[in-house]
Structures are given as C-alpha cells and as structure tokens.
N, C-alpha and C. Protein backbone atom coordinates (compact mmCIF):
# COMPACT_ATOMS: atom_id res chain seq x y z
N MET A 1 102.57 102.66 109.49
CA MET A 1 103.11 103.45 108.41
C MET A 1 102.46 104.82 108.42
N CYS A 2 103.20 105.81 108.07
CA CYS A 2 102.70 107.18 108.03
C CYS A 2 101.61 107.30 106.96
N ARG A 3 100.50 107.87 107.33
CA ARG A 3 99.38 107.97 106.39
C ARG A 3 99.68 108.89 105.21
N ASN A 4 100.68 109.78 105.34
CA ASN A 4 101.01 110.69 104.25
C ASN A 4 101.88 110.03 103.18
N ILE A 5 102.40 108.87 103.46
CA ILE A 5 103.22 108.18 102.48
C ILE A 5 102.30 107.30 101.64
N LYS A 6 102.26 107.57 100.36
CA LYS A 6 101.36 106.85 99.46
C LYS A 6 102.12 105.77 98.69
N THR A 7 101.40 104.76 98.26
CA THR A 7 101.98 103.72 97.41
C THR A 7 102.43 104.37 96.10
N LEU A 8 103.62 104.03 95.65
CA LEU A 8 104.18 104.66 94.45
C LEU A 8 104.41 103.67 93.31
N PHE A 9 104.20 102.39 93.56
CA PHE A 9 104.49 101.38 92.55
C PHE A 9 103.27 101.06 91.70
N ASN A 10 103.52 100.82 90.44
CA ASN A 10 102.54 100.32 89.48
C ASN A 10 101.43 101.34 89.17
N PHE A 11 101.84 102.55 88.84
CA PHE A 11 100.89 103.58 88.44
C PHE A 11 101.19 104.05 87.03
N ASP A 12 100.15 104.52 86.38
CA ASP A 12 100.30 105.12 85.06
C ASP A 12 99.72 106.53 85.15
N PRO A 13 100.50 107.56 84.94
CA PRO A 13 101.92 107.57 84.59
C PRO A 13 102.79 107.17 85.79
N PRO A 14 104.01 106.73 85.49
CA PRO A 14 104.91 106.25 86.55
C PRO A 14 105.25 107.36 87.55
N VAL A 15 105.75 106.92 88.68
CA VAL A 15 106.14 107.84 89.74
C VAL A 15 107.25 108.78 89.26
N THR A 16 107.25 109.99 89.80
CA THR A 16 108.28 110.97 89.47
C THR A 16 109.30 111.03 90.61
N PRO A 17 110.50 111.50 90.33
CA PRO A 17 111.49 111.66 91.40
C PRO A 17 111.00 112.59 92.52
N GLU A 18 110.21 113.59 92.17
CA GLU A 18 109.67 114.51 93.17
C GLU A 18 108.73 113.79 94.14
N GLU A 19 107.92 112.86 93.61
CA GLU A 19 107.01 112.09 94.47
C GLU A 19 107.79 111.17 95.40
N VAL A 20 108.84 110.57 94.88
CA VAL A 20 109.67 109.69 95.71
C VAL A 20 110.36 110.51 96.79
N ARG A 21 110.85 111.68 96.44
CA ARG A 21 111.51 112.54 97.43
C ARG A 21 110.53 112.98 98.51
N ALA A 22 109.30 113.33 98.11
CA ALA A 22 108.29 113.74 99.09
C ALA A 22 107.97 112.59 100.06
N ALA A 23 107.86 111.38 99.55
CA ALA A 23 107.61 110.22 100.41
C ALA A 23 108.81 109.96 101.33
N SER A 24 110.01 110.14 100.80
CA SER A 24 111.22 109.96 101.60
C SER A 24 111.29 110.99 102.72
N LEU A 25 110.93 112.22 102.41
CA LEU A 25 110.91 113.28 103.42
C LEU A 25 109.91 112.94 104.53
N GLN A 26 108.73 112.46 104.15
CA GLN A 26 107.73 112.09 105.15
C GLN A 26 108.24 110.94 106.03
N PHE A 27 108.92 109.99 105.42
CA PHE A 27 109.46 108.85 106.17
C PHE A 27 110.50 109.33 107.18
N VAL A 28 111.42 110.17 106.75
CA VAL A 28 112.47 110.67 107.64
C VAL A 28 111.86 111.52 108.75
N ARG A 29 110.86 112.32 108.42
CA ARG A 29 110.18 113.11 109.45
C ARG A 29 109.56 112.19 110.50
N LYS A 30 108.93 111.12 110.04
CA LYS A 30 108.25 110.20 110.94
C LYS A 30 109.23 109.50 111.88
N ILE A 31 110.30 108.95 111.33
CA ILE A 31 111.21 108.18 112.19
C ILE A 31 112.11 109.07 113.05
N SER A 32 112.37 110.31 112.59
CA SER A 32 113.23 111.20 113.38
C SER A 32 112.44 111.97 114.43
N GLY A 33 111.15 112.17 114.16
CA GLY A 33 110.35 112.98 115.07
C GLY A 33 110.48 114.47 114.81
N PHE A 34 111.22 114.84 113.78
CA PHE A 34 111.40 116.25 113.43
C PHE A 34 110.57 116.60 112.21
N ASN A 35 109.80 117.68 112.31
CA ASN A 35 109.15 118.19 111.12
C ASN A 35 110.16 119.00 110.32
N LYS A 36 110.95 119.79 111.05
CA LYS A 36 112.05 120.53 110.46
C LYS A 36 113.22 120.40 111.43
N PRO A 37 114.35 119.87 110.95
CA PRO A 37 115.47 119.64 111.87
C PRO A 37 116.14 120.95 112.28
N SER A 38 116.85 120.90 113.39
CA SER A 38 117.65 122.05 113.82
C SER A 38 118.84 122.20 112.88
N LYS A 39 119.50 123.34 112.98
CA LYS A 39 120.70 123.58 112.14
C LYS A 39 121.74 122.48 112.35
N ALA A 40 121.85 122.01 113.58
CA ALA A 40 122.84 120.97 113.89
C ALA A 40 122.50 119.65 113.21
N ASN A 41 121.22 119.39 112.96
CA ASN A 41 120.81 118.12 112.37
C ASN A 41 120.43 118.22 110.89
N GLU A 42 120.50 119.41 110.32
CA GLU A 42 120.07 119.62 108.94
C GLU A 42 120.79 118.73 107.94
N GLU A 43 122.11 118.64 108.07
CA GLU A 43 122.91 117.86 107.12
C GLU A 43 122.57 116.37 107.20
N ALA A 44 122.45 115.84 108.40
CA ALA A 44 122.11 114.42 108.57
C ALA A 44 120.71 114.14 108.05
N PHE A 45 119.78 115.06 108.30
CA PHE A 45 118.40 114.93 107.86
C PHE A 45 118.34 114.89 106.32
N ALA A 46 119.02 115.84 105.68
CA ALA A 46 119.04 115.91 104.21
C ALA A 46 119.70 114.67 103.61
N ALA A 47 120.77 114.20 104.24
CA ALA A 47 121.45 113.00 103.75
C ALA A 47 120.54 111.78 103.84
N ALA A 48 119.77 111.70 104.92
CA ALA A 48 118.84 110.58 105.08
C ALA A 48 117.75 110.63 104.01
N VAL A 49 117.19 111.80 103.78
CA VAL A 49 116.15 111.95 102.76
C VAL A 49 116.70 111.55 101.39
N ASN A 50 117.88 112.05 101.05
CA ASN A 50 118.48 111.73 99.75
C ASN A 50 118.79 110.24 99.62
N GLY A 51 119.30 109.63 100.68
CA GLY A 51 119.62 108.21 100.64
C GLY A 51 118.38 107.34 100.49
N ILE A 52 117.34 107.68 101.22
CA ILE A 52 116.09 106.90 101.13
C ILE A 52 115.44 107.10 99.76
N ALA A 53 115.51 108.30 99.22
CA ALA A 53 114.96 108.55 97.89
C ALA A 53 115.70 107.72 96.84
N LYS A 54 117.02 107.66 96.95
CA LYS A 54 117.82 106.89 95.99
C LYS A 54 117.48 105.40 96.06
N VAL A 55 117.44 104.86 97.25
CA VAL A 55 117.13 103.44 97.43
C VAL A 55 115.70 103.15 96.99
N SER A 56 114.79 104.06 97.26
CA SER A 56 113.39 103.88 96.85
C SER A 56 113.27 103.85 95.33
N MET A 57 113.96 104.73 94.64
CA MET A 57 113.93 104.73 93.17
C MET A 57 114.49 103.42 92.63
N GLU A 58 115.57 102.93 93.24
CA GLU A 58 116.15 101.65 92.81
C GLU A 58 115.15 100.51 93.04
N LEU A 59 114.48 100.53 94.17
CA LEU A 59 113.49 99.50 94.47
C LEU A 59 112.36 99.55 93.44
N LEU A 60 111.79 100.71 93.22
CA LEU A 60 110.67 100.84 92.28
C LEU A 60 111.07 100.41 90.86
N ALA A 61 112.31 100.70 90.47
CA ALA A 61 112.79 100.32 89.14
C ALA A 61 112.97 98.81 89.02
N SER A 62 113.22 98.13 90.13
CA SER A 62 113.50 96.70 90.07
C SER A 62 112.25 95.83 90.28
N LEU A 63 111.17 96.41 90.77
CA LEU A 63 109.96 95.62 91.02
C LEU A 63 109.26 95.24 89.71
N GLU A 64 108.64 94.08 89.73
CA GLU A 64 107.88 93.59 88.57
C GLU A 64 106.49 93.17 89.03
N THR A 65 105.52 93.26 88.11
CA THR A 65 104.17 92.82 88.41
C THR A 65 103.47 92.39 87.14
N ASN A 66 102.49 91.51 87.30
CA ASN A 66 101.65 91.10 86.18
C ASN A 66 100.35 91.89 86.16
N SER A 67 100.11 92.67 87.21
CA SER A 67 98.89 93.47 87.30
C SER A 67 98.97 94.69 86.39
N PRO A 68 97.84 95.10 85.84
CA PRO A 68 97.86 96.32 85.03
C PRO A 68 98.12 97.53 85.92
N ALA A 69 98.74 98.54 85.34
CA ALA A 69 99.04 99.77 86.08
C ALA A 69 97.75 100.44 86.51
N LYS A 70 97.77 100.99 87.74
CA LYS A 70 96.60 101.69 88.27
C LYS A 70 96.58 103.12 87.76
N ASN A 71 95.38 103.64 87.55
CA ASN A 71 95.21 105.01 87.11
C ASN A 71 95.23 105.92 88.34
N ARG A 72 96.06 106.94 88.31
CA ARG A 72 96.21 107.83 89.47
C ARG A 72 94.91 108.53 89.85
N GLU A 73 94.19 109.03 88.86
CA GLU A 73 92.96 109.76 89.14
C GLU A 73 91.90 108.85 89.76
N GLU A 74 91.78 107.64 89.24
CA GLU A 74 90.81 106.69 89.79
C GLU A 74 91.15 106.32 91.23
N GLU A 75 92.42 106.10 91.50
CA GLU A 75 92.84 105.74 92.86
C GLU A 75 92.62 106.91 93.81
N ALA A 76 92.90 108.13 93.35
CA ALA A 76 92.68 109.31 94.20
C ALA A 76 91.20 109.46 94.52
N ALA A 77 90.35 109.22 93.53
CA ALA A 77 88.90 109.31 93.74
C ALA A 77 88.44 108.27 94.76
N LYS A 78 88.98 107.06 94.67
CA LYS A 78 88.63 106.01 95.64
C LYS A 78 89.02 106.43 97.05
N HIS A 79 90.22 106.99 97.20
CA HIS A 79 90.69 107.41 98.52
C HIS A 79 89.83 108.55 99.07
N LYS A 80 89.45 109.49 98.21
CA LYS A 80 88.60 110.60 98.66
C LYS A 80 87.24 110.09 99.11
N ALA A 81 86.67 109.16 98.36
CA ALA A 81 85.37 108.60 98.73
C ALA A 81 85.45 107.85 100.05
N LYS A 82 86.52 107.08 100.22
CA LYS A 82 86.71 106.34 101.46
C LYS A 82 86.88 107.30 102.64
N SER A 83 87.64 108.36 102.44
CA SER A 83 87.87 109.35 103.49
C SER A 83 86.58 110.08 103.83
N ALA A 84 85.80 110.44 102.82
CA ALA A 84 84.54 111.14 103.05
C ALA A 84 83.58 110.26 103.86
N LYS A 85 83.55 108.98 103.54
CA LYS A 85 82.69 108.04 104.27
C LYS A 85 83.17 107.88 105.71
N ARG A 86 84.46 107.84 105.87
CA ARG A 86 85.07 107.63 107.19
C ARG A 86 84.86 108.82 108.12
N PHE A 87 84.93 110.03 107.56
CA PHE A 87 84.85 111.24 108.37
C PHE A 87 83.54 111.98 108.23
N VAL A 88 82.47 111.25 107.98
CA VAL A 88 81.14 111.86 107.89
C VAL A 88 80.78 112.47 109.23
N ALA A 89 80.28 113.70 109.16
CA ALA A 89 79.97 114.43 110.41
C ALA A 89 78.60 114.09 110.93
C-alpha cells in the first residue's frame, strides 16, 4: 500500500471529503504510475479519482466499530515519533 494513503476510518473528528479525495488521488497515482496524467489521459484519471472517492465515502459511511474513535492529533504524534525513531541519523 502507498505510504501516503492514511487510514481514514474511526477518527474524531470524522474524515472530510477533501481527505478522501486526497487518498483517492494518491491511490490512482500509485496504480496508474502517473503523478500527473497527460492531456490524453486527464479525463480518465479524473474519473477514476472521483469514482474511488465516491466508493470510499460509501465504504466509510457503512463501516461500524465498537472501538472508540481515535484522536487525530494523538495518532499524528505517534506516527511522527515512530518516523523519527526509524530515520535517526
């Protein structure tokens, strides 16, 4: 999985459409191999991003859990600490 795609389920505050779109864009970039598509592929690329974003929002809306929602700031701090430990010079 692409490291730039973050988990979006079960957070407080809930995920925003912009976050889902950003993850969808990263996914399409990864599987297509294009960071920015050519003019010929722009329409297909945009359609894929929009389709994946729509399906992702539907998925997130339908998921259920008994776990308490995670705090975004706490999770970000954990990831930063893990990254700092991993990339110590």
